[in-house]
PDB file of N, CA and C in Angstrom:
ATOM      1  N   MET A   1      23.110 -27.601  57.476  1.00  0.00           N
ATOM      2  CA  MET A   1      23.354 -27.661  55.976  1.00  0.00           C
ATOM      3  C   MET A   1      22.608 -26.615  55.549  1.00  0.00           C
ATOM      4  N   SER A   2      23.698 -25.591  55.107  1.00  0.00           N
ATOM      5  CA  SER A   2      23.092 -24.422  54.204  1.00  0.00           C
ATOM      6  C   SER A   2      22.376 -24.580  53.056  1.00  0.00           C
ATOM      7  N   ILE A   3      21.805 -23.813  52.400  1.00  0.00           N
ATOM      8  CA  ILE A   3      21.146 -23.831  51.301  1.00  0.00           C
ATOM      9  C   ILE A   3      22.243 -23.112  50.475  1.00  0.00           C
ATOM     10  N   PRO A   4      22.605 -23.616  49.158  1.00  0.00           N
ATOM     11  CA  PRO A   4      23.440 -22.835  48.366  1.00  0.00           C
ATOM     12  C   PRO A   4      22.608 -21.758  47.443  1.00  0.00           C
ATOM     13  N   ALA A   5      23.751 -20.939  46.996  1.00  0.00           N
ATOM     14  CA  ALA A   5      23.181 -19.725  46.356  1.00  0.00           C
ATOM     15  C   ALA A   5      22.642 -20.220  44.853  1.00  0.00           C
ATOM     16  N   GLY A   6      21.511 -19.884  44.277  1.00  0.00           N
ATOM     17  CA  GLY A   6      20.940 -19.926  43.415  1.00  0.00           C
ATOM     18  C   GLY A   6      21.775 -20.215  41.785  1.00  0.00           C
ATOM     19  N   PRO A   7      21.356 -21.120  40.938  1.00  0.00           N
ATOM     20  CA  PRO A   7      22.322 -21.174  39.616  1.00  0.00           C
ATOM     21  C   PRO A   7      22.357 -20.157  38.931  1.00  0.00           C
ATOM     22  N   LYS A   8      23.602 -20.535  37.558  1.00  0.00           N
ATOM     23  CA  LYS A   8      23.632 -19.353  36.980  1.00  0.00           C
ATOM     24  C   LYS A   8      22.619 -19.657  36.067  1.00  0.00           C
ATOM     25  N   LEU A   9      22.024 -18.674  35.415  1.00  0.00           N
ATOM     26  CA  LEU A   9      20.921 -18.958  34.212  1.00  0.00           C
ATOM     27  C   LEU A   9      21.531 -18.681  33.048  1.00  0.00           C
ATOM     28  N   ASP A  10      21.081 -19.518  32.060  1.00  0.00           N
ATOM     29  CA  ASP A  10      21.141 -19.479  30.449  1.00  0.00           C
ATOM     30  C   ASP A  10      20.089 -19.138  29.357  1.00  0.00           C
ATOM     31  N   PHE A  11      20.173 -17.921  29.072  1.00  0.00           N
ATOM     32  CA  PHE A  11      19.344 -17.691  28.153  1.00  0.00           C
ATOM     33  C   PHE A  11      19.407 -18.523  26.941  1.00  0.00           C
ATOM     34  N   ILE A  12      17.865 -19.045  26.330  1.00  0.00           N
ATOM     35  CA  ILE A  12      17.150 -19.832  25.298  1.00  0.00           C
ATOM     36  C   ILE A  12      16.903 -19.335  24.327  1.00  0.00           C
ATOM     37  N   GLU A  13      15.622 -18.627  24.458  1.00  0.00           N
ATOM     38  CA  GLU A  13      15.024 -17.628  23.580  1.00  0.00           C
ATOM     39  C   GLU A  13      14.033 -16.599  23.836  1.00  0.00           C
ATOM     40  N   ALA A  14      13.856 -15.768  23.490  1.00  0.00           N
ATOM     41  CA  ALA A  14      12.597 -14.550  24.075  1.00  0.00           C
ATOM     42  C   ALA A  14      11.566 -14.528  23.044  1.00  0.00           C
ATOM     43  N   SER A  15      10.586 -14.298  23.199  1.00  0.00           N
ATOM     44  CA  SER A  15       9.222 -13.765  22.479  1.00  0.00           C
ATOM     45  C   SER A  15       8.801 -12.345  22.811  1.00  0.00           C
ATOM     46  N   GLU A  16       7.485 -12.192  22.161  1.00  0.00           N
ATOM     47  CA  GLU A  16       7.029 -10.880  22.912  1.00  0.00           C
ATOM     48  C   GLU A  16       6.662 -11.067  23.927  1.00  0.00           C
ATOM     49  N   THR A  17       6.135 -12.200  24.921  1.00  0.00           N
ATOM     50  CA  THR A  17       5.409 -12.245  26.083  1.00  0.00           C
ATOM     51  C   THR A  17       6.257 -13.535  26.959  1.00  0.00           C
ATOM     52  N   THR A  18       7.210 -14.071  26.600  1.00  0.00           N
ATOM     53  CA  THR A  18       7.903 -15.250  27.227  1.00  0.00           C
ATOM     54  C   THR A  18       9.314 -14.822  26.909  1.00  0.00           C
ATOM     55  N   ILE A  19      10.030 -15.255  28.055  1.00  0.00           N
ATOM     56  CA  ILE A  19      11.366 -15.579  27.783  1.00  0.00           C
ATOM     57  C   ILE A  19      11.743 -17.094  28.389  1.00  0.00           C
ATOM     58  N   SER A  20      12.663 -17.904  27.799  1.00  0.00           N
ATOM     59  CA  SER A  20      12.999 -19.568  28.111  1.00  0.00           C
ATOM     60  C   SER A  20      14.304 -19.608  28.443  1.00  0.00           C
ATOM     61  N   LEU A  21      14.630 -19.870  29.294  1.00  0.00           N
ATOM     62  CA  LEU A  21      15.840 -20.102  30.178  1.00  0.00           C
ATOM     63  C   LEU A  21      16.322 -21.497  30.759  1.00  0.00           C
ATOM     64  N   GLN A  22      17.321 -21.952  30.758  1.00  0.00           N
ATOM     65  CA  GLN A  22      17.548 -23.051  31.133  1.00  0.00           C
ATOM     66  C   GLN A  22      18.997 -23.044  32.327  1.00  0.00           C
ATOM     67  N   PHE A  23      19.310 -24.077  33.095  1.00  0.00           N
ATOM     68  CA  PHE A  23      20.718 -23.854  34.154  1.00  0.00           C
ATOM     69  C   PHE A  23      20.623 -25.711  34.779  1.00  0.00           C
ATOM     70  N   GLN A  24      21.999 -25.548  35.157  1.00  0.00           N
ATOM     71  CA  GLN A  24      22.145 -26.685  35.369  1.00  0.00           C
ATOM     72  C   GLN A  24      22.074 -26.863  37.017  1.00  0.00           C
ATOM     73  N   PRO A  25      21.549 -27.968  37.315  1.00  0.00           N
ATOM     74  CA  PRO A  25      20.813 -28.051  38.649  1.00  0.00           C
ATOM     75  C   PRO A  25      22.013 -28.324  39.706  1.00  0.00           C
ATOM     76  N   LEU A  26      22.136 -28.157  40.870  1.00  0.00           N
ATOM     77  CA  LEU A  26      22.615 -28.616  41.809  1.00  0.00           C
ATOM     78  C   LEU A  26      22.696 -29.855  42.180  1.00  0.00           C
ATOM     79  N   SER A  27      23.379 -30.620  42.424  1.00  0.00           N
ATOM     80  CA  SER A  27      23.051 -32.199  42.948  1.00  0.00           C
ATOM     81  C   SER A  27      22.390 -32.338  44.282  1.00  0.00           C
ATOM     82  N   SER A  28      22.580 -31.117  45.366  1.00  0.00           N
ATOM     83  CA  SER A  28      21.939 -31.591  46.504  1.00  0.00           C
ATOM     84  C   SER A  28      20.776 -30.806  46.484  1.00  0.00           C
ATOM     85  N   ILE A  29      20.044 -30.152  45.365  1.00  0.00           N
ATOM     86  CA  ILE A  29      19.022 -29.508  45.295  1.00  0.00           C
ATOM     87  C   ILE A  29      17.839 -29.737  44.185  1.00  0.00           C
ATOM     88  N   ASP A  30      16.518 -29.928  44.577  1.00  0.00           N
ATOM     89  CA  ASP A  30      15.680 -30.935  43.216  1.00  0.00           C
ATOM     90  C   ASP A  30      14.628 -29.332  42.866  1.00  0.00           C
ATOM     91  N   ARG A  31      14.678 -28.205  44.058  1.00  0.00           N
ATOM     92  CA  ARG A  31      13.536 -27.509  43.609  1.00  0.00           C
ATOM     93  C   ARG A  31      14.260 -26.190  43.557  1.00  0.00           C
ATOM     94  N   TYR A  32      13.566 -25.376  42.621  1.00  0.00           N
ATOM     95  CA  TYR A  32      13.920 -23.829  42.472  1.00  0.00           C
ATOM     96  C   TYR A  32      13.044 -22.844  42.361  1.00  0.00           C
ATOM     97  N   GLU A  33      13.368 -21.653  42.167  1.00  0.00           N
ATOM     98  CA  GLU A  33      12.095 -20.621  42.450  1.00  0.00           C
ATOM     99  C   GLU A  33      12.910 -19.778  41.342  1.00  0.00           C
ATOM    100  N   VAL A  34      12.284 -19.466  40.325  1.00  0.00           N
ATOM    101  CA  VAL A  34      12.541 -18.435  39.262  1.00  0.00           C
ATOM    102  C   VAL A  34      11.771 -17.406  39.202  1.00  0.00           C
ATOM    103  N   GLN A  35      12.505 -16.201  39.525  1.00  0.00           N
ATOM    104  CA  GLN A  35      11.646 -15.079  39.655  1.00  0.00           C
ATOM    105  C   GLN A  35      12.184 -13.890  38.696  1.00  0.00           C
ATOM    106  N   TRP A  36      11.360 -12.855  38.346  1.00  0.00           N
ATOM    107  CA  TRP A  36      11.500 -11.956  37.387  1.00  0.00           C
ATOM    108  C   TRP A  36      10.913 -10.615  37.482  1.00  0.00           C
ATOM    109  N   LYS A  37      11.353  -9.409  37.393  1.00  0.00           N
ATOM    110  CA  LYS A  37      10.941  -8.300  37.450  1.00  0.00           C
ATOM    111  C   LYS A  37      11.178  -7.366  36.431  1.00  0.00           C
ATOM    112  N   LEU A  38      10.564  -6.194  35.993  1.00  0.00           N
ATOM    113  CA  LEU A  38      10.812  -5.020  35.483  1.00  0.00           C
ATOM    114  C   LEU A  38      12.327  -4.596  35.714  1.00  0.00           C
ATOM    115  N   VAL A  39      13.588  -4.276  34.727  1.00  0.00           N
ATOM    116  CA  VAL A  39      14.829  -3.986  35.242  1.00  0.00           C
ATOM    117  C   VAL A  39      14.495  -2.810  36.436  1.00  0.00           C
ATOM    118  N   GLU A  40      13.875  -1.714  36.156  1.00  0.00           N
ATOM    119  CA  GLU A  40      13.884  -0.529  36.908  1.00  0.00           C
ATOM    120  C   GLU A  40      13.241  -0.595  38.272  1.00  0.00           C
ATOM    121  N   HIS A  41      12.530  -1.890  38.570  1.00  0.00           N
ATOM    122  CA  HIS A  41      11.783  -2.122  39.603  1.00  0.00           C
ATOM    123  C   HIS A  41      12.625  -2.910  40.703  1.00  0.00           C
ATOM    124  N   GLU A  42      12.140  -2.711  42.219  1.00  0.00           N
ATOM    125  CA  GLU A  42      12.791  -3.701  43.009  1.00  0.00           C
ATOM    126  C   GLU A  42      12.405  -4.938  42.990  1.00  0.00           C
ATOM    127  N   TRP A  43      13.671  -5.836  43.819  1.00  0.00           N
ATOM    128  CA  TRP A  43      13.083  -7.198  43.900  1.00  0.00           C
ATOM    129  C   TRP A  43      12.246  -7.398  45.127  1.00  0.00           C
ATOM    130  N   SER A  44      11.781  -6.674  45.793  1.00  0.00           N
ATOM    131  CA  SER A  44      10.922  -6.704  47.066  1.00  0.00           C
ATOM    132  C   SER A  44       9.527  -6.725  46.497  1.00  0.00           C
ATOM    133  N   ASN A  45       9.103  -6.515  45.043  1.00  0.00           N
ATOM    134  CA  ASN A  45       7.760  -7.221  44.756  1.00  0.00           C
ATOM    135  C   ASN A  45       8.140  -7.396  43.089  1.00  0.00           C
ATOM    136  N   PRO A  46       8.338  -8.625  43.069  1.00  0.00           N
ATOM    137  CA  PRO A  46       8.438  -8.993  41.879  1.00  0.00           C
ATOM    138  C   PRO A  46       7.579  -9.295  40.816  1.00  0.00           C
ATOM    139  N   ALA A  47       7.671  -9.184  39.458  1.00  0.00           N
ATOM    140  CA  ALA A  47       6.621  -9.318  38.970  1.00  0.00           C
ATOM    141  C   ALA A  47       5.985 -10.378  38.440  1.00  0.00           C
ATOM    142  N   GLY A  48       6.913 -11.827  38.751  1.00  0.00           N
ATOM    143  CA  GLY A  48       6.270 -13.195  38.735  1.00  0.00           C
ATOM    144  C   GLY A  48       7.435 -14.136  39.016  1.00  0.00           C
ATOM    145  N   SER A  49       6.936 -15.082  39.254  1.00  0.00           N
ATOM    146  CA  SER A  49       7.592 -16.437  39.635  1.00  0.00           C
ATOM    147  C   SER A  49       7.500 -17.566  39.118  1.00  0.00           C
ATOM    148  N   THR A  50       8.068 -18.734  38.806  1.00  0.00           N
ATOM    149  CA  THR A  50       7.658 -20.123  38.799  1.00  0.00           C
ATOM    150  C   THR A  50       8.547 -20.843  39.432  1.00  0.00           C
ATOM    151  N   ASN A  51       8.036 -22.480  39.730  1.00  0.00           N
ATOM    152  CA  ASN A  51       8.660 -23.211  40.153  1.00  0.00           C
ATOM    153  C   ASN A  51       9.480 -23.978  39.355  1.00  0.00           C
ATOM    154  N   ALA A  52      10.447 -24.627  39.650  1.00  0.00           N
ATOM    155  CA  ALA A  52      10.995 -25.307  38.442  1.00  0.00           C
ATOM    156  C   ALA A  52      11.820 -26.613  39.341  1.00  0.00           C
ATOM    157  N   THR A  53      11.575 -27.881  38.425  1.00  0.00           N
ATOM    158  CA  THR A  53      12.033 -29.214  39.192  1.00  0.00           C
ATOM    159  C   THR A  53      13.173 -29.878  38.365  1.00  0.00           C
ATOM    160  N   ALA A  54      13.990 -30.232  39.369  1.00  0.00           N
ATOM    161  CA  ALA A  54      15.248 -30.968  38.593  1.00  0.00           C
ATOM    162  C   ALA A  54      14.464 -32.268  38.719  1.00  0.00           C
ATOM    163  N   SER A  55      14.688 -33.062  37.310  1.00  0.00           N
ATOM    164  CA  SER A  55      14.050 -34.545  37.262  1.00  0.00           C
ATOM    165  C   SER A  55      15.265 -35.657  36.783  1.00  0.00           C
ATOM    166  N   GLY A  56      15.260 -36.526  37.490  1.00  0.00           N
ATOM    167  CA  GLY A  56      15.838 -37.743  36.847  1.00  0.00           C
ATOM    168  C   GLY A  56      17.291 -37.423  36.684  1.00  0.00           C
ATOM    169  N   LYS A  57      17.995 -37.664  35.592  1.00  0.00           N
ATOM    170  CA  LYS A  57      18.992 -37.652  34.669  1.00  0.00           C
ATOM    171  C   LYS A  57      19.118 -36.205  33.696  1.00  0.00           C
ATOM    172  N   SER A  58      17.810 -35.400  33.989  1.00  0.00           N
ATOM    173  CA  SER A  58      18.425 -34.449  32.869  1.00  0.00           C
ATOM    174  C   SER A  58      19.452 -33.429  33.350  1.00  0.00           C
ATOM    175  N   SER A  59      20.214 -33.238  32.294  1.00  0.00           N
ATOM    176  CA  SER A  59      21.353 -32.387  32.533  1.00  0.00           C
ATOM    177  C   SER A  59      20.802 -31.176  32.825  1.00  0.00           C
ATOM    178  N   ASN A  60      19.942 -30.478  32.327  1.00  0.00           N
ATOM    179  CA  ASN A  60      19.681 -29.005  32.513  1.00  0.00           C
ATOM    180  C   ASN A  60      18.035 -29.100  33.076  1.00  0.00           C
ATOM    181  N   VAL A  61      17.728 -27.861  33.865  1.00  0.00           N
ATOM    182  CA  VAL A  61      16.501 -27.598  33.833  1.00  0.00           C
ATOM    183  C   VAL A  61      16.078 -26.579  33.252  1.00  0.00           C
ATOM    184  N   ARG A  62      14.881 -26.549  32.703  1.00  0.00           N
ATOM    185  CA  ARG A  62      14.208 -25.361  31.787  1.00  0.00           C
ATOM    186  C   ARG A  62      13.089 -24.846  32.386  1.00  0.00           C
ATOM    187  N   ALA A  63      13.141 -23.559  32.321  1.00  0.00           N
ATOM    188  CA  ALA A  63      11.763 -22.852  33.027  1.00  0.00           C
ATOM    189  C   ALA A  63      11.567 -21.302  31.606  1.00  0.00           C
ATOM    190  N   GLU A  64      10.344 -20.989  32.253  1.00  0.00           N
ATOM    191  CA  GLU A  64       9.576 -19.809  31.246  1.00  0.00           C
ATOM    192  C   GLU A  64       9.056 -19.067  32.542  1.00  0.00           C
ATOM    193  N   ALA A  65       9.768 -17.611  31.769  1.00  0.00           N
ATOM    194  CA  ALA A  65       8.985 -16.274  32.695  1.00  0.00           C
ATOM    195  C   ALA A  65       8.020 -16.105  31.517  1.00  0.00           C
ATOM    196  N   ALA A  66       6.640 -16.026  32.048  1.00  0.00           N
ATOM    197  CA  ALA A  66       5.450 -15.824  30.879  1.00  0.00           C
ATOM    198  C   ALA A  66       4.689 -14.590  31.327  1.00  0.00           C
ATOM    199  N   GLU A  67       3.700 -14.370  30.426  1.00  0.00           N
ATOM    200  CA  GLU A  67       2.987 -13.119  30.454  1.00  0.00           C
ATOM    201  C   GLU A  67       3.448 -12.024  30.634  1.00  0.00           C
ATOM    202  N   LEU A  68       4.744 -11.700  30.101  1.00  0.00           N
ATOM    203  CA  LEU A  68       5.325 -10.248  30.055  1.00  0.00           C
ATOM    204  C   LEU A  68       4.947  -9.686  28.947  1.00  0.00           C
ATOM    205  N   THR A  69       5.323  -8.395  29.408  1.00  0.00           N
ATOM    206  CA  THR A  69       4.827  -7.347  28.107  1.00  0.00           C
ATOM    207  C   THR A  69       6.039  -7.171  27.322  1.00  0.00           C
ATOM    208  N   PRO A  70       5.615  -6.785  26.073  1.00  0.00           N
ATOM    209  CA  PRO A  70       6.528  -6.864  25.139  1.00  0.00           C
ATOM    210  C   PRO A  70       7.292  -5.527  24.729  1.00  0.00           C
ATOM    211  N   GLY A  71       8.505  -5.542  24.500  1.00  0.00           N
ATOM    212  CA  GLY A  71       9.668  -4.816  24.183  1.00  0.00           C
ATOM    213  C   GLY A  71       9.910  -4.011  25.647  1.00  0.00           C
ATOM    214  N   MET A  72      10.089  -5.085  26.696  1.00  0.00           N
ATOM    215  CA  MET A  72      10.492  -4.319  27.811  1.00  0.00           C
ATOM    216  C   MET A  72      11.664  -5.181  28.454  1.00  0.00           C
ATOM    217  N   THR A  73      12.187  -4.426  29.300  1.00  0.00           N
ATOM    218  CA  THR A  73      13.564  -5.239  30.133  1.00  0.00           C
ATOM    219  C   THR A  73      12.927  -5.774  31.305  1.00  0.00           C
ATOM    220  N   TYR A  74      13.657  -7.071  31.471  1.00  0.00           N
ATOM    221  CA  TYR A  74      13.490  -7.888  32.356  1.00  0.00           C
ATOM    222  C   TYR A  74      14.578  -8.267  32.882  1.00  0.00           C
ATOM    223  N   CYS A  75      14.544  -8.818  34.391  1.00  0.00           N
ATOM    224  CA  CYS A  75      15.897  -9.223  35.309  1.00  0.00           C
ATOM    225  C   CYS A  75      15.419 -10.539  35.889  1.00  0.00           C
ATOM    226  N   ILE A  76      16.093 -11.364  35.567  1.00  0.00           N
ATOM    227  CA  ILE A  76      15.505 -12.678  35.871  1.00  0.00           C
ATOM    228  C   ILE A  76      16.495 -13.432  37.029  1.00  0.00           C
ATOM    229  N   ARG A  77      16.213 -14.067  37.946  1.00  0.00           N
ATOM    230  CA  ARG A  77      17.146 -14.779  38.845  1.00  0.00           C
ATOM    231  C   ARG A  77      16.283 -15.912  39.236  1.00  0.00           C
ATOM    232  N   ALA A  78      17.290 -16.909  39.806  1.00  0.00           N
ATOM    233  CA  ALA A  78      16.844 -18.214  40.193  1.00  0.00           C
ATOM    234  C   ALA A  78      17.046 -18.420  42.006  1.00  0.00           C
ATOM    235  N   CYS A  79      16.671 -18.925  42.897  1.00  0.00           N
ATOM    236  CA  CYS A  79      16.761 -19.442  44.214  1.00  0.00           C
ATOM    237  C   CYS A  79      16.556 -20.929  44.440  1.00  0.00           C
ATOM    238  N   CYS A  80      17.430 -21.620  45.254  1.00  0.00           N
ATOM    239  CA  CYS A  80      17.255 -22.624  45.783  1.00  0.00           C
ATOM    240  C   CYS A  80      16.325 -23.132  46.708  1.00  0.00           C
ATOM    241  N   ILE A  81      15.563 -23.927  46.699  1.00  0.00           N
ATOM    242  CA  ILE A  81      14.702 -23.839  47.651  1.00  0.00           C
ATOM    243  C   ILE A  81      15.106 -25.491  48.503  1.00  0.00           C
ATOM    244  N   ASP A  82      15.214 -25.633  49.987  1.00  0.00           N
ATOM    245  CA  ASP A  82      15.501 -26.809  50.255  1.00  0.00           C
ATOM    246  C   ASP A  82      14.043 -27.690  50.531  1.00  0.00           C
ATOM    247  N   PRO A  83      14.284 -28.944  50.940  1.00  0.00           N
ATOM    248  CA  PRO A  83      12.826 -29.692  51.277  1.00  0.00           C
ATOM    249  C   PRO A  83      12.187 -28.941  52.194  1.00  0.00           C
ATOM    250  N   SER A  84      12.401 -28.049  53.026  1.00  0.00           N
ATOM    251  CA  SER A  84      11.351 -27.645  54.358  1.00  0.00           C
ATOM    252  C   SER A  84      10.908 -26.431  53.736  1.00  0.00           C
ATOM    253  N   GLY A  85      11.203 -25.997  52.181  1.00  0.00           N
ATOM    254  CA  GLY A  85      10.743 -24.970  51.624  1.00  0.00           C
ATOM    255  C   GLY A  85      11.451 -23.676  51.902  1.00  0.00           C
ATOM    256  N   ALA A  86      12.558 -23.580  52.579  1.00  0.00           N
ATOM    257  CA  ALA A  86      13.386 -22.205  52.642  1.00  0.00           C
ATOM    258  C   ALA A  86      14.084 -22.030  51.557  1.00  0.00           C
ATOM    259  N   LYS A  87      14.228 -20.899  51.291  1.00  0.00           N
ATOM    260  CA  LYS A  87      14.815 -20.216  49.631  1.00  0.00           C
ATOM    261  C   LYS A  87      16.264 -19.926  50.223  1.00  0.00           C
ATOM    262  N   GLY A  88      17.479 -19.940  49.446  1.00  0.00           N
ATOM    263  CA  GLY A  88      18.472 -19.731  49.629  1.00  0.00           C
ATOM    264  C   GLY A  88      18.975 -18.454  49.188  1.00  0.00           C
ATOM    265  N   VAL A  89      19.951 -18.079  48.814  1.00  0.00           N
ATOM    266  CA  VAL A  89      20.648 -16.435  48.276  1.00  0.00           C
ATOM    267  C   VAL A  89      20.278 -16.575  46.937  1.00  0.00           C
ATOM    268  N   PRO A  90      19.511 -15.723  46.067  1.00  0.00           N
ATOM    269  CA  PRO A  90      19.599 -15.704  44.675  1.00  0.00           C
ATOM    270  C   PRO A  90      20.889 -15.819  44.094  1.00  0.00           C
ATOM    271  N   GLY A  91      20.606 -16.416  42.807  1.00  0.00           N
ATOM    272  CA  GLY A  91      21.971 -16.573  42.035  1.00  0.00           C
ATOM    273  C   GLY A  91      22.328 -15.266  41.075  1.00  0.00           C
ATOM    274  N   PRO A  92      23.165 -15.248  40.172  1.00  0.00           N
ATOM    275  CA  PRO A  92      23.554 -14.143  39.464  1.00  0.00           C
ATOM    276  C   PRO A  92      22.108 -13.926  38.707  1.00  0.00           C
ATOM    277  N   GLU A  93      21.939 -12.241  38.292  1.00  0.00           N
ATOM    278  CA  GLU A  93      20.768 -12.130  37.846  1.00  0.00           C
ATOM    279  C   GLU A  93      20.998 -11.959  36.155  1.00  0.00           C
ATOM    280  N   LEU A  94      20.136 -12.245  35.387  1.00  0.00           N
ATOM    281  CA  LEU A  94      20.138 -12.492  33.765  1.00  0.00           C
ATOM    282  C   LEU A  94      19.218 -11.155  33.333  1.00  0.00           C
ATOM    283  N   ILE A  95      19.657 -10.185  32.309  1.00  0.00           N
ATOM    284  CA  ILE A  95      18.782  -9.275  31.731  1.00  0.00           C
ATOM    285  C   ILE A  95      18.357  -9.435  30.627  1.00  0.00           C
ATOM    286  N   ILE A  96      17.146  -9.423  30.008  1.00  0.00           N
ATOM    287  CA  ILE A  96      17.026  -9.827  28.760  1.00  0.00           C
ATOM    288  C   ILE A  96      15.789  -8.912  28.351  1.00  0.00           C
ATOM    289  N   ASP A  97      15.736  -8.685  26.971  1.00  0.00           N
ATOM    290  CA  ASP A  97      14.449  -7.552  26.516  1.00  0.00           C
ATOM    291  C   ASP A  97      13.532  -8.831  25.780  1.00  0.00           C
ATOM    292  N   THR A  98      12.337  -8.622  25.867  1.00  0.00           N
ATOM    293  CA  THR A  98      11.140  -9.184  25.142  1.00  0.00           C
ATOM    294  C   THR A  98      11.255  -8.636  23.968  1.00  0.00           C
ATOM    295  N   GLU A  99      10.614  -9.476  22.952  1.00  0.00           N
ATOM    296  CA  GLU A  99      10.607  -8.968  21.655  1.00  0.00           C
ATOM    297  C   GLU A  99       9.419  -7.913  21.629  1.00  0.00           C
ATOM    298  N   GLN A 100       9.530  -7.073  20.784  1.00  0.00           N
ATOM    299  CA  GLN A 100       8.858  -5.696  20.562  1.00  0.00           C
ATOM    300  C   GLN A 100       7.564  -6.210  19.455  1.00  0.00           C
ATOM    301  N   VAL A 101       6.268  -5.890  19.514  1.00  0.00           N
ATOM    302  CA  VAL A 101       5.847  -6.054  18.302  1.00  0.00           C
ATOM    303  C   VAL A 101       5.712  -5.235  17.304  1.00  0.00           C
ATOM    304  N   GLY A 102       5.523  -6.655  16.152  1.00  0.00           N
ATOM    305  CA  GLY A 102       5.746  -6.123  15.171  1.00  0.00           C
ATOM    306  C   GLY A 102       4.597  -5.633  14.384  1.00  0.00           C
ATOM    307  N   CYS A 103       5.176  -4.357  13.359  1.00  0.00           N
ATOM    308  CA  CYS A 103       3.642  -3.548  13.058  1.00  0.00           C
ATOM    309  C   CYS A 103       3.790  -3.791  11.382  1.00  0.00           C
ATOM    310  N   THR A 104       5.049  -4.663  10.701  1.00  0.00           N
ATOM    311  CA  THR A 104       4.813  -4.897   9.574  1.00  0.00           C
ATOM    312  C   THR A 104       4.682  -6.642   8.982  1.00  0.00           C
ATOM    313  N   PRO A 105       4.015  -6.557   7.973  1.00  0.00           N
ATOM    314  CA  PRO A 105       3.692  -8.225   7.710  1.00  0.00           C
ATOM    315  C   PRO A 105       4.928  -9.196   7.446  1.00  0.00           C
ATOM    316  N   LYS A 106       4.668 -10.402   7.837  1.00  0.00           N
ATOM    317  CA  LYS A 106       5.714 -11.155   8.001  1.00  0.00           C
ATOM    318  C   LYS A 106       6.127 -11.538   6.271  1.00  0.00           C
ATOM    319  N   ALA A 107       7.324 -11.947   6.092  1.00  0.00           N
ATOM    320  CA  ALA A 107       7.718 -12.288   4.349  1.00  0.00           C
ATOM    321  C   ALA A 107       6.704 -13.341   3.990  1.00  0.00           C
ATOM    322  N   ASP A 108       6.474 -14.186   4.719  1.00  0.00           N
ATOM    323  CA  ASP A 108       5.461 -15.478   4.155  1.00  0.00           C
ATOM    324  C   ASP A 108       4.140 -15.111   4.093  1.00  0.00           C
ATOM    325  N   LYS A 109       3.605 -13.694   4.454  1.00  0.00           N
ATOM    326  CA  LYS A 109       2.396 -13.291   4.163  1.00  0.00           C
ATOM    327  C   LYS A 109       2.091 -12.353   3.471  1.00  0.00           C
ATOM    328  N   SER A 110       3.087 -11.737   3.169  1.00  0.00           N
ATOM    329  CA  SER A 110       2.566 -10.473   2.033  1.00  0.00           C
ATOM    330  C   SER A 110       2.102 -10.983   0.873  1.00  0.00           C
ATOM    331  N   CYS A 111       1.471  -9.793   0.546  1.00  0.00           N
ATOM    332  CA  CYS A 111       0.307  -9.739  -0.527  1.00  0.00           C
ATOM    333  C   CYS A 111       1.178  -9.374  -1.869  1.00  0.00           C
ATOM    334  N   CYS A 112       2.248  -8.789  -1.946  1.00  0.00           N
ATOM    335  CA  CYS A 112       2.858  -8.397  -2.993  1.00  0.00           C
ATOM    336  C   CYS A 112       3.888  -9.076  -3.506  1.00  0.00           C
ATOM    337  N   THR A 113       3.784  -9.426  -4.716  1.00  0.00           N
ATOM    338  CA  THR A 113       5.088  -9.966  -5.828  1.00  0.00           C
ATOM    339  C   THR A 113       5.654  -9.375  -6.596  1.00  0.00           C
ATOM    340  N   ILE A 114       6.809  -9.318  -6.518  1.00  0.00           N
ATOM    341  CA  ILE A 114       7.494  -8.477  -7.954  1.00  0.00           C
ATOM    342  C   ILE A 114       7.830  -9.804  -8.669  1.00  0.00           C
ATOM    343  N   GLN A 115       7.752  -8.902  -9.971  1.00  0.00           N
ATOM    344  CA  GLN A 115       8.265 -10.378 -11.027  1.00  0.00           C
ATOM    345  C   GLN A 115       9.063  -9.460 -11.928  1.00  0.00           C
TER     346      GLN A 115
END
């Protein structure tokens, strides 16, 4: 049996240092590897990866790319992993920006009031 291509990723949210996403698991696969890199870099040396597992009756698998640099553009993809540990072809790539570090005070922490 051949290993299917990785699933299509759906964006949930991004912060300065993390990108959260989800995907629908394939019925024949329980383990996935989510990989990320800076958009201008090659996949031969990804910036990071994490394992994600489909559990029970969950309709979606959630994953998070963490320890990212603020204000950068990342490319993220997922691969299916079979029971022997072999990886399939990566799925479609998702390109997302992390949030920029803010240098202005947040509205709820402002020290000025206008009357």
